Amino acid sequence: MTASRILIIEDDPALLRGLKDNFAAAGYDVRTAADGQRGLDALLAEPPDLVLLDLMLPRVSGYDICRTARERGLAMPIIMLTAKGQEEDIVRGLELGADDYVTKPFGIRELLARVKTALRRLGDTGAVRRFGDFRLDPAAHKLFRGDTEIELTGKEYKLLAFLIERAGRALTRNAILDGVWGNAVFVTDRSVDRCVTTLRAKIESDTRRPQFIQTIRDIGYRFELPAA
């Protein structure tokens, strides 16, 4: 089995070395770049399976790298490496096409888990989506728990399908609004929150401690699939 190829773009030499060593030890094929221009050149010359991307880089910013990758039609997962208190920067990166983020300082286990989830999503092409005791059947346009159908409104179904298709990704409320509500008028961020609340009531065993639909403070939501 061919090792997944990861490109790490980070200008902190100690962090870059640590990330390279840990991901290589985990069995990944790792390439690195210590500034934005070298990172962008490497990404375009030989697109990897996944990119770990610092936002604040010399020469070319992480934002520009992310924007260029998506404009070129490259769909690999991009996970941003950010500093605490950068919520506005995180939202900007997500809206430019990044898939997820981790805040520094972070644990290597958390980052390895995020990478594994993102790569697993690439290979998940099955029509029926399963999570916990549930299965979402796009052909039937229905949600089941075991053999019992769970009644969803049209908007709840569309929201759930949107989240599951992007499981493991951090999603801004604006991204959810665009994907689920489209060009509908008179909808706001509160429309997303209300629909999440009603959907949680139908799929979460404890809505105060949700297992699947996680809230990301000041940003939006992430759908978590249980570990395989």
Protein backbone atom coordinates (compact mmCIF):
# COMPACT_ATOMS: atom_id res chain seq x y z
CA MET A 1 0.00 0.00 0.00
CA THR A 2 1.43 3.38 -1.03
CA ALA A 3 2.04 5.81 1.81
CA SER A 4 -0.06 8.98 1.77
CA ARG A 5 1.97 12.02 0.74
CA ILE A 6 1.92 15.01 3.08
CA LEU A 7 3.36 18.46 2.41
CA ILE A 8 4.16 20.51 5.52
CA ILE A 9 4.61 24.26 4.99
CA GLU A 10 5.88 25.87 8.21
CA ASP A 11 8.54 28.53 8.84
CA ASP A 12 9.39 27.56 12.43
CA PRO A 13 12.43 25.23 12.01
CA ALA A 14 11.91 23.33 15.28
CA LEU A 15 8.20 22.76 14.65
CA LEU A 16 8.84 21.79 11.05
CA ARG A 17 11.43 19.20 12.08
CA GLY A 18 9.18 17.80 14.80
CA LEU A 19 6.23 17.47 12.46
CA LYS A 20 8.34 15.86 9.76
CA ASP A 21 9.79 13.29 12.16
CA ASN A 22 6.44 12.40 13.72
CA PHE A 23 4.60 11.99 10.42
CA ALA A 24 7.44 10.02 8.89
CA ALA A 25 7.42 7.74 11.94
CA ALA A 26 3.66 7.27 11.43
CA GLY A 27 4.31 5.94 7.93
CA TYR A 28 3.61 9.00 5.80
CA ASP A 29 5.66 10.18 2.83
CA VAL A 30 6.60 13.68 4.03
CA ARG A 31 7.85 16.73 2.12
CA THR A 32 8.52 20.10 3.77
CA ALA A 33 8.91 23.74 2.86
CA ALA A 34 10.10 26.53 5.15
CA ASP A 35 8.49 29.48 3.35
CA GLY A 36 5.35 30.16 1.37
CA GLN A 37 6.88 30.42 -2.08
CA ARG A 38 8.72 27.11 -1.79
CA GLY A 39 5.61 25.54 -0.38
CA LEU A 40 3.42 26.78 -3.21
CA ASP A 41 5.96 25.64 -5.81
CA ALA A 42 6.12 22.17 -4.24
CA LEU A 43 2.34 21.93 -4.02
CA LEU A 44 1.82 22.81 -7.68
CA ALA A 45 4.74 20.76 -9.01
CA GLU A 46 3.66 17.53 -7.32
CA PRO A 47 0.30 17.83 -5.54
CA PRO A 48 0.31 15.87 -2.26
CA ASP A 49 -2.56 13.96 -0.68
CA LEU A 50 -2.78 16.49 2.16
CA VAL A 51 -1.24 19.82 3.16
CA LEU A 52 -0.39 21.08 6.66
CA LEU A 53 -0.24 24.84 6.21
CA ASP A 54 0.93 27.61 8.51
CA LEU A 55 -1.02 30.79 7.83
CA MET A 56 1.68 33.34 8.61
CA LEU A 57 4.50 32.56 6.18
CA PRO A 58 7.24 34.65 4.57
CA ARG A 59 7.10 35.45 0.83
CA VAL A 60 3.65 33.93 0.15
CA SER A 61 0.97 33.71 2.85
CA GLY A 62 -0.95 30.60 3.75
CA TYR A 63 -4.11 32.34 2.52
CA ASP A 64 -2.64 32.83 -0.94
CA ILE A 65 -1.44 29.23 -1.05
CA CYS A 66 -4.91 27.99 -0.15
CA ARG A 67 -6.59 30.29 -2.67
CA THR A 68 -4.22 29.28 -5.47
CA ALA A 69 -4.64 25.57 -4.78
CA ARG A 70 -8.41 25.81 -5.04
CA GLU A 71 -8.29 28.05 -8.13
CA ARG A 72 -6.13 25.39 -9.81
CA GLY A 73 -8.77 22.77 -9.02
CA LEU A 74 -6.68 20.92 -6.41
CA ALA A 75 -8.99 19.23 -3.92
CA MET A 76 -6.60 17.71 -1.38
CA PRO A 77 -7.41 18.42 2.29
CA ILE A 78 -5.69 21.50 3.69
CA ILE A 79 -5.30 21.72 7.47
CA MET A 80 -4.24 25.11 8.79
CA LEU A 81 -1.80 25.55 11.67
CA THR A 82 -2.92 28.66 13.55
CA ALA A 83 -2.21 30.63 16.72
CA LYS A 84 -4.72 31.02 19.53
CA GLY A 85 -7.09 33.95 19.20
CA GLN A 86 -7.08 33.92 15.41
CA GLU A 87 -10.78 33.19 14.90
CA GLU A 88 -11.14 35.79 12.14
CA ASP A 89 -8.07 34.40 10.38
CA ILE A 90 -9.39 30.84 10.73
CA VAL A 91 -12.74 31.81 9.21
CA ARG A 92 -10.95 33.56 6.35
CA GLY A 93 -8.85 30.46 5.67
CA LEU A 94 -11.86 28.17 5.76
CA GLU A 95 -13.75 30.40 3.36
CA LEU A 96 -10.77 30.31 0.98
CA GLY A 97 -11.04 26.53 0.87
CA ALA A 98 -9.13 25.10 3.86
CA ASP A 99 -10.75 22.03 5.39
CA ASP A 100 -9.78 22.24 9.05
CA TYR A 101 -7.38 23.80 11.52
CA VAL A 102 -5.46 23.12 14.72
CA THR A 103 -4.29 25.84 17.09
CA LYS A 104 -0.72 26.08 18.37
CA PRO A 105 0.45 24.65 20.65
CA PHE A 106 -1.24 21.39 19.68
CA GLY A 107 -0.73 17.76 20.61
CA ILE A 108 0.75 15.57 17.89
CA ARG A 109 -1.88 12.89 18.57
CA GLU A 110 -4.67 15.38 17.86
CA LEU A 111 -3.01 16.44 14.62
CA LEU A 112 -2.37 12.84 13.52
CA ALA A 113 -6.05 12.06 14.20
CA ARG A 114 -7.21 15.07 12.15
CA VAL A 115 -4.97 14.02 9.26
CA LYS A 116 -6.20 10.43 9.40
CA THR A 117 -9.83 11.61 9.36
CA ALA A 118 -9.22 13.92 6.41
CA LEU A 119 -7.49 11.21 4.38
CA ARG A 120 -10.16 8.66 5.25
CA ARG A 121 -12.81 11.04 3.94
CA LEU A 122 -11.05 11.11 0.56
CA GLY A 123 -11.59 7.39 0.15
CA ASP A 124 -15.14 7.34 1.50
CA THR A 125 -17.22 7.19 -1.67
CA GLY A 126 -20.03 4.89 -0.55
CA ALA A 127 -23.55 6.10 -1.24
CA VAL A 128 -24.95 5.15 2.17
CA ARG A 129 -23.42 7.10 5.06
CA ARG A 130 -23.23 5.45 8.48
CA PHE A 131 -22.59 7.05 11.85
CA GLY A 132 -23.20 5.38 15.19
CA ASP A 133 -26.47 3.45 14.95
CA PHE A 134 -27.66 5.61 12.05
CA ARG A 135 -27.49 5.34 8.29
CA LEU A 136 -28.30 8.08 5.83
CA ASP A 137 -29.63 6.74 2.54
CA PRO A 138 -29.34 9.40 -0.20
CA ALA A 139 -31.22 7.26 -2.74
CA ALA A 140 -34.24 7.02 -0.43
CA HIS A 141 -33.66 10.52 0.97
CA LYS A 142 -34.17 9.07 4.45
CA LEU A 143 -32.39 8.60 7.78
CA PHE A 144 -32.67 5.29 9.66
CA ARG A 145 -31.71 4.16 13.13
CA GLY A 146 -31.53 0.42 12.78
CA ASP A 147 -34.68 -0.40 10.82
CA THR A 148 -36.62 2.60 12.10
CA GLU A 149 -36.92 5.72 10.00
CA ILE A 150 -36.14 9.00 11.77
CA GLU A 151 -38.44 11.71 10.48
CA LEU A 152 -36.53 14.75 9.24
CA THR A 153 -37.74 17.96 7.69
CA GLY A 154 -36.38 18.74 4.25
CA LYS A 155 -33.94 21.28 5.69
CA GLU A 156 -32.79 18.92 8.45
CA TYR A 157 -32.08 16.22 5.89
CA LYS A 158 -30.17 18.61 3.65
CA LEU A 159 -28.14 19.91 6.60
CA LEU A 160 -27.29 16.40 7.81
CA ALA A 161 -26.25 15.29 4.32
CA PHE A 162 -24.13 18.42 3.92
CA LEU A 163 -22.38 17.84 7.25
CA ILE A 164 -21.76 14.12 6.71
CA GLU A 165 -20.30 14.68 3.25
CA ARG A 166 -17.81 17.01 4.94
CA ALA A 167 -17.27 15.00 8.13
CA GLY A 168 -14.15 16.05 9.97
CA ARG A 169 -14.07 19.49 8.37
CA ALA A 170 -14.49 22.74 10.24
CA LEU A 171 -17.41 24.55 8.57
CA THR A 172 -18.28 28.20 9.00
CA ARG A 173 -21.90 29.22 9.34
CA ASN A 174 -21.63 31.08 6.04
CA ALA A 175 -20.42 27.92 4.29
CA ILE A 176 -23.36 25.99 5.73
CA LEU A 177 -25.79 28.73 4.74
CA ASP A 178 -24.48 28.69 1.17
CA GLY A 179 -24.51 24.89 0.93
CA VAL A 180 -27.88 24.21 2.57
CA TRP A 181 -29.96 27.37 2.10
CA GLY A 182 -28.36 28.61 -1.12
CA ASN A 183 -29.70 31.96 -2.28
CA ALA A 184 -32.75 31.92 -0.01
CA VAL A 185 -33.61 35.31 1.40
CA PHE A 186 -34.24 36.18 5.04
CA VAL A 187 -31.87 33.56 6.44
CA THR A 188 -29.11 34.32 8.93
CA ASP A 189 -26.56 32.53 11.07
CA ARG A 190 -29.38 31.93 13.55
CA SER A 191 -31.13 29.82 10.89
CA VAL A 192 -28.14 27.45 10.96
CA ASP A 193 -28.11 27.32 14.76
CA ARG A 194 -31.83 26.61 14.99
CA CYS A 195 -31.65 23.80 12.42
CA VAL A 196 -28.63 22.29 14.20
CA THR A 197 -30.60 22.36 17.46
CA THR A 198 -33.59 20.49 16.03
CA LEU A 199 -31.34 18.00 14.21
CA ARG A 200 -29.34 17.30 17.35
CA ALA A 201 -32.56 16.51 19.18
CA LYS A 202 -33.14 13.67 16.69
CA ILE A 203 -29.65 12.14 16.46
CA GLU A 204 -27.84 12.93 19.71
CA SER A 205 -28.39 10.90 22.86
CA ASP A 206 -27.37 13.94 24.95
CA THR A 207 -27.76 17.29 23.21
CA ARG A 208 -25.68 18.99 25.92
CA ARG A 209 -22.74 16.72 25.07
CA PRO A 210 -23.19 16.03 21.35
CA GLN A 211 -21.30 13.12 19.85
CA PHE A 212 -21.71 14.00 16.19
CA ILE A 213 -22.38 17.71 15.58
CA GLN A 214 -19.69 19.62 17.44
CA THR A 215 -19.85 23.38 17.94
CA ILE A 216 -16.68 25.31 17.10
CA ARG A 217 -16.86 28.49 19.13
CA ASP A 218 -16.94 31.71 17.07
CA ILE A 219 -16.58 29.71 13.83
CA GLY A 220 -19.30 27.14 13.14
CA TYR A 221 -19.63 23.36 13.33
CA ARG A 222 -17.81 20.11 12.65
CA PHE A 223 -19.45 16.68 12.09
CA GLU A 224 -17.44 13.98 13.87
CA LEU A 225 -17.61 10.36 12.74
CA PRO A 226 -16.80 7.78 15.41
CA ALA A 227 -13.38 6.19 14.98
CA ALA A 228 -13.47 3.16 12.71
